[in-house]
């Protein structure tokens, strides 16, 4: 589960982790709908909280 919060708005969608991570660690996830790769932080419940600048830019 991917979660993004801006003010009082919370958006949740399904995603796939691209690497392993534990609570508090950063990891890459792919949004299952858009297929975009994003960066997030693992929450205690296992959800991934997307960071404000989570879009991963191609290198």
Foldseek 3Di string as FASTA:
>chain_A
DEWEDDPPDIDDADWAWPDDDAAQDKGWIAGPPVRFIWIFGQHNVRYTYGDPPTGDDDD
